Amino acid sequence: MATTTLEPRAGTYRRSWVLDWLTTVDHKKIGILYIANSFLFFFAAGILALLIRSELAIPGIQFLDQATYNQAFTMHGT
């Protein structure tokens, strides 16, 4: 039976930085991801609030239709 030997690679294997950050167990990186995600949802809720207030600013102007307004109102609240 013949045996084969594996030759070592020339370089080291590096994952992409996105995969490294998304699969980390380092508590410092997890905290940074948590804060970044909080700001992302804060700004998304702010944009939804601007859409809701622009619809209510002047009576009669239909910036959003009724279904879209209800969806934006619900998403802003959650």
N, C-alpha and C. Protein backbone atom coordinates (compact mmCIF):
# COMPACT_ATOMS: atom_id res chain seq x y z
N MET A 1 0.84 -1.17 0.00
CA MET A 1 0.00 0.00 0.00
C MET A 1 0.89 1.24 0.00
N ALA A 2 0.61 2.13 -0.88
CA ALA A 2 1.41 3.34 -0.99
C ALA A 2 0.88 4.41 -0.04
N THR A 3 1.77 5.15 0.51
CA THR A 3 1.37 6.25 1.39
C THR A 3 1.67 7.57 0.70
N THR A 4 0.84 8.53 0.94
CA THR A 4 1.06 9.86 0.38
C THR A 4 1.28 10.83 1.51
N THR A 5 2.12 11.77 1.26
CA THR A 5 2.36 12.81 2.26
C THR A 5 1.84 14.13 1.74
N LEU A 6 1.25 14.88 2.60
CA LEU A 6 0.74 16.20 2.24
C LEU A 6 1.83 17.23 2.43
N GLU A 7 2.00 18.04 1.43
CA GLU A 7 2.99 19.11 1.53
C GLU A 7 2.34 20.33 2.17
N PRO A 8 3.05 21.01 3.04
CA PRO A 8 2.45 22.20 3.67
C PRO A 8 2.24 23.31 2.64
N ARG A 9 1.23 24.10 2.89
CA ARG A 9 0.93 25.22 2.00
C ARG A 9 1.95 26.33 2.19
N ALA A 10 2.05 27.14 1.16
CA ALA A 10 3.02 28.23 1.22
C ALA A 10 2.56 29.34 2.16
N GLY A 11 1.27 29.63 2.21
CA GLY A 11 0.76 30.71 3.05
C GLY A 11 -0.23 30.20 4.07
N THR A 12 -0.70 31.08 4.88
CA THR A 12 -1.70 30.71 5.87
C THR A 12 -3.07 31.05 5.33
N TYR A 13 -4.05 30.33 5.80
CA TYR A 13 -5.42 30.55 5.37
C TYR A 13 -6.02 31.70 6.17
N ARG A 14 -6.56 32.69 5.46
CA ARG A 14 -7.23 33.81 6.12
C ARG A 14 -8.66 33.91 5.62
N ARG A 15 -9.58 34.01 6.56
CA ARG A 15 -10.97 34.23 6.18
C ARG A 15 -11.16 35.70 5.86
N SER A 16 -12.24 36.00 5.17
CA SER A 16 -12.53 37.40 4.89
C SER A 16 -12.91 38.09 6.19
N TRP A 17 -12.73 39.40 6.23
CA TRP A 17 -12.99 40.13 7.48
C TRP A 17 -14.47 40.14 7.81
N VAL A 18 -15.34 40.06 6.80
CA VAL A 18 -16.79 40.03 7.08
C VAL A 18 -17.14 38.73 7.78
N LEU A 19 -16.67 37.63 7.25
CA LEU A 19 -16.94 36.33 7.87
C LEU A 19 -16.29 36.25 9.24
N ASP A 20 -15.13 36.83 9.38
CA ASP A 20 -14.45 36.85 10.68
C ASP A 20 -15.27 37.60 11.72
N TRP A 21 -15.85 38.75 11.34
CA TRP A 21 -16.65 39.53 12.28
C TRP A 21 -18.00 38.88 12.57
N LEU A 22 -18.62 38.25 11.56
CA LEU A 22 -19.95 37.68 11.76
C LEU A 22 -19.92 36.35 12.51
N THR A 23 -18.78 35.68 12.55
CA THR A 23 -18.70 34.39 13.24
C THR A 23 -17.80 34.45 14.46
N THR A 24 -17.58 35.62 14.99
CA THR A 24 -16.66 35.77 16.11
C THR A 24 -17.31 35.36 17.43
N VAL A 25 -16.48 34.99 18.37
CA VAL A 25 -16.93 34.74 19.74
C VAL A 25 -16.24 35.71 20.70
N ASP A 26 -15.51 36.68 20.13
CA ASP A 26 -14.82 37.69 20.93
C ASP A 26 -15.86 38.68 21.47
N HIS A 27 -15.91 38.86 22.78
CA HIS A 27 -16.94 39.69 23.38
C HIS A 27 -16.81 41.15 22.97
N LYS A 28 -15.63 41.62 22.64
CA LYS A 28 -15.46 43.01 22.22
C LYS A 28 -16.05 43.23 20.83
N LYS A 29 -15.84 42.29 19.93
CA LYS A 29 -16.41 42.40 18.59
C LYS A 29 -17.93 42.25 18.63
N ILE A 30 -18.42 41.37 19.48
CA ILE A 30 -19.87 41.19 19.62
C ILE A 30 -20.51 42.47 20.13
N GLY A 31 -19.87 43.15 21.07
CA GLY A 31 -20.38 44.42 21.58
C GLY A 31 -20.42 45.49 20.50
N ILE A 32 -19.38 45.55 19.67
CA ILE A 32 -19.36 46.52 18.58
C ILE A 32 -20.46 46.21 17.57
N LEU A 33 -20.66 44.93 17.25
CA LEU A 33 -21.74 44.55 16.34
C LEU A 33 -23.10 44.90 16.92
N TYR A 34 -23.28 44.72 18.22
CA TYR A 34 -24.54 45.04 18.89
C TYR A 34 -24.83 46.54 18.81
N ILE A 35 -23.83 47.36 19.07
CA ILE A 35 -24.00 48.81 19.01
C ILE A 35 -24.27 49.27 17.58
N ALA A 36 -23.54 48.70 16.61
CA ALA A 36 -23.75 49.07 15.21
C ALA A 36 -25.16 48.69 14.75
N ASN A 37 -25.63 47.52 15.17
CA ASN A 37 -26.97 47.10 14.82
C ASN A 37 -28.02 47.99 15.47
N SER A 38 -27.78 48.43 16.70
CA SER A 38 -28.71 49.34 17.38
C SER A 38 -28.83 50.66 16.63
N PHE A 39 -27.69 51.22 16.20
CA PHE A 39 -27.73 52.46 15.43
C PHE A 39 -28.43 52.27 14.09
N LEU A 40 -28.23 51.12 13.44
CA LEU A 40 -28.88 50.85 12.18
C LEU A 40 -30.40 50.86 12.33
N PHE A 41 -30.92 50.18 13.35
CA PHE A 41 -32.36 50.15 13.57
C PHE A 41 -32.88 51.50 14.05
N PHE A 42 -32.08 52.26 14.79
CA PHE A 42 -32.46 53.60 15.22
C PHE A 42 -32.67 54.51 14.01
N PHE A 43 -31.74 54.46 13.05
CA PHE A 43 -31.86 55.29 11.86
C PHE A 43 -33.00 54.82 10.96
N ALA A 44 -33.23 53.52 10.88
CA ALA A 44 -34.35 53.00 10.09
C ALA A 44 -35.68 53.46 10.68
N ALA A 45 -35.80 53.45 12.01
CA ALA A 45 -37.02 53.93 12.65
C ALA A 45 -37.18 55.43 12.45
N GLY A 46 -36.08 56.17 12.41
CA GLY A 46 -36.14 57.61 12.14
C GLY A 46 -36.64 57.90 10.74
N ILE A 47 -36.20 57.12 9.77
CA ILE A 47 -36.68 57.30 8.40
C ILE A 47 -38.16 56.98 8.31
N LEU A 48 -38.59 55.92 8.99
CA LEU A 48 -40.02 55.60 9.00
C LEU A 48 -40.82 56.70 9.68
N ALA A 49 -40.28 57.29 10.74
CA ALA A 49 -40.97 58.39 11.41
C ALA A 49 -41.10 59.60 10.49
N LEU A 50 -40.06 59.88 9.71
CA LEU A 50 -40.15 60.98 8.75
C LEU A 50 -41.21 60.72 7.69
N LEU A 51 -41.31 59.48 7.23
CA LEU A 51 -42.35 59.14 6.26
C LEU A 51 -43.74 59.31 6.87
N ILE A 52 -43.92 58.88 8.10
CA ILE A 52 -45.22 59.00 8.76
C ILE A 52 -45.58 60.46 8.97
N ARG A 53 -44.63 61.26 9.46
CA ARG A 53 -44.92 62.67 9.72
C ARG A 53 -45.13 63.45 8.43
N SER A 54 -44.44 63.08 7.36
CA SER A 54 -44.67 63.78 6.09
C SER A 54 -46.06 63.47 5.55
N GLU A 55 -46.57 62.29 5.83
CA GLU A 55 -47.94 61.96 5.41
C GLU A 55 -48.96 62.76 6.22
N LEU A 56 -48.67 63.00 7.49
CA LEU A 56 -49.62 63.70 8.36
C LEU A 56 -49.44 65.21 8.36
N ALA A 57 -48.41 65.73 7.70
CA ALA A 57 -48.10 67.16 7.77
C ALA A 57 -49.19 68.02 7.13
N ILE A 58 -49.59 67.68 5.94
CA ILE A 58 -50.58 68.47 5.22
C ILE A 58 -51.75 67.56 4.85
N PRO A 59 -52.96 67.93 5.25
CA PRO A 59 -54.12 67.09 4.92
C PRO A 59 -54.35 67.04 3.41
N GLY A 60 -54.73 65.90 2.93
CA GLY A 60 -55.07 65.75 1.53
C GLY A 60 -53.93 65.29 0.64
N ILE A 61 -52.70 65.45 1.07
CA ILE A 61 -51.58 65.00 0.25
C ILE A 61 -51.35 63.52 0.53
N GLN A 62 -51.36 62.73 -0.53
CA GLN A 62 -51.14 61.29 -0.38
C GLN A 62 -49.70 60.95 -0.72
N PHE A 63 -48.82 61.07 0.26
CA PHE A 63 -47.42 60.69 0.07
C PHE A 63 -47.29 59.17 0.08
N LEU A 64 -48.04 58.51 0.94
CA LEU A 64 -48.08 57.05 1.02
C LEU A 64 -49.52 56.61 0.87
N ASP A 65 -49.75 55.45 0.26
CA ASP A 65 -51.12 54.95 0.25
C ASP A 65 -51.44 54.33 1.61
N GLN A 66 -52.69 53.95 1.80
CA GLN A 66 -53.14 53.53 3.12
C GLN A 66 -52.41 52.28 3.61
N ALA A 67 -52.22 51.31 2.74
CA ALA A 67 -51.56 50.06 3.15
C ALA A 67 -50.09 50.31 3.50
N THR A 68 -49.42 51.13 2.71
CA THR A 68 -48.01 51.43 2.98
C THR A 68 -47.87 52.23 4.26
N TYR A 69 -48.80 53.15 4.50
CA TYR A 69 -48.77 53.92 5.74
C TYR A 69 -48.94 53.00 6.95
N ASN A 70 -49.88 52.08 6.87
CA ASN A 70 -50.09 51.14 7.98
C ASN A 70 -48.86 50.26 8.21
N GLN A 71 -48.21 49.83 7.13
CA GLN A 71 -47.00 49.03 7.28
C GLN A 71 -45.87 49.84 7.90
N ALA A 72 -45.71 51.09 7.46
CA ALA A 72 -44.66 51.95 8.02
C ALA A 72 -44.93 52.23 9.49
N PHE A 73 -46.19 52.47 9.84
CA PHE A 73 -46.56 52.74 11.23
C PHE A 73 -46.27 51.53 12.11
N THR A 74 -46.60 50.34 11.61
CA THR A 74 -46.36 49.12 12.37
C THR A 74 -44.86 48.84 12.52
N MET A 75 -44.11 49.00 11.44
CA MET A 75 -42.66 48.76 11.50
C MET A 75 -41.97 49.77 12.40
N HIS A 76 -42.45 51.01 12.42
CA HIS A 76 -41.86 52.03 13.29
C HIS A 76 -42.08 51.66 14.76
N GLY A 77 -43.23 51.09 15.06
CA GLY A 77 -43.54 50.73 16.44
C GLY A 77 -42.82 49.49 16.92
N THR A 78 -42.42 48.64 16.01
CA THR A 78 -41.73 47.42 16.43
C THR A 78 -40.26 47.65 16.42
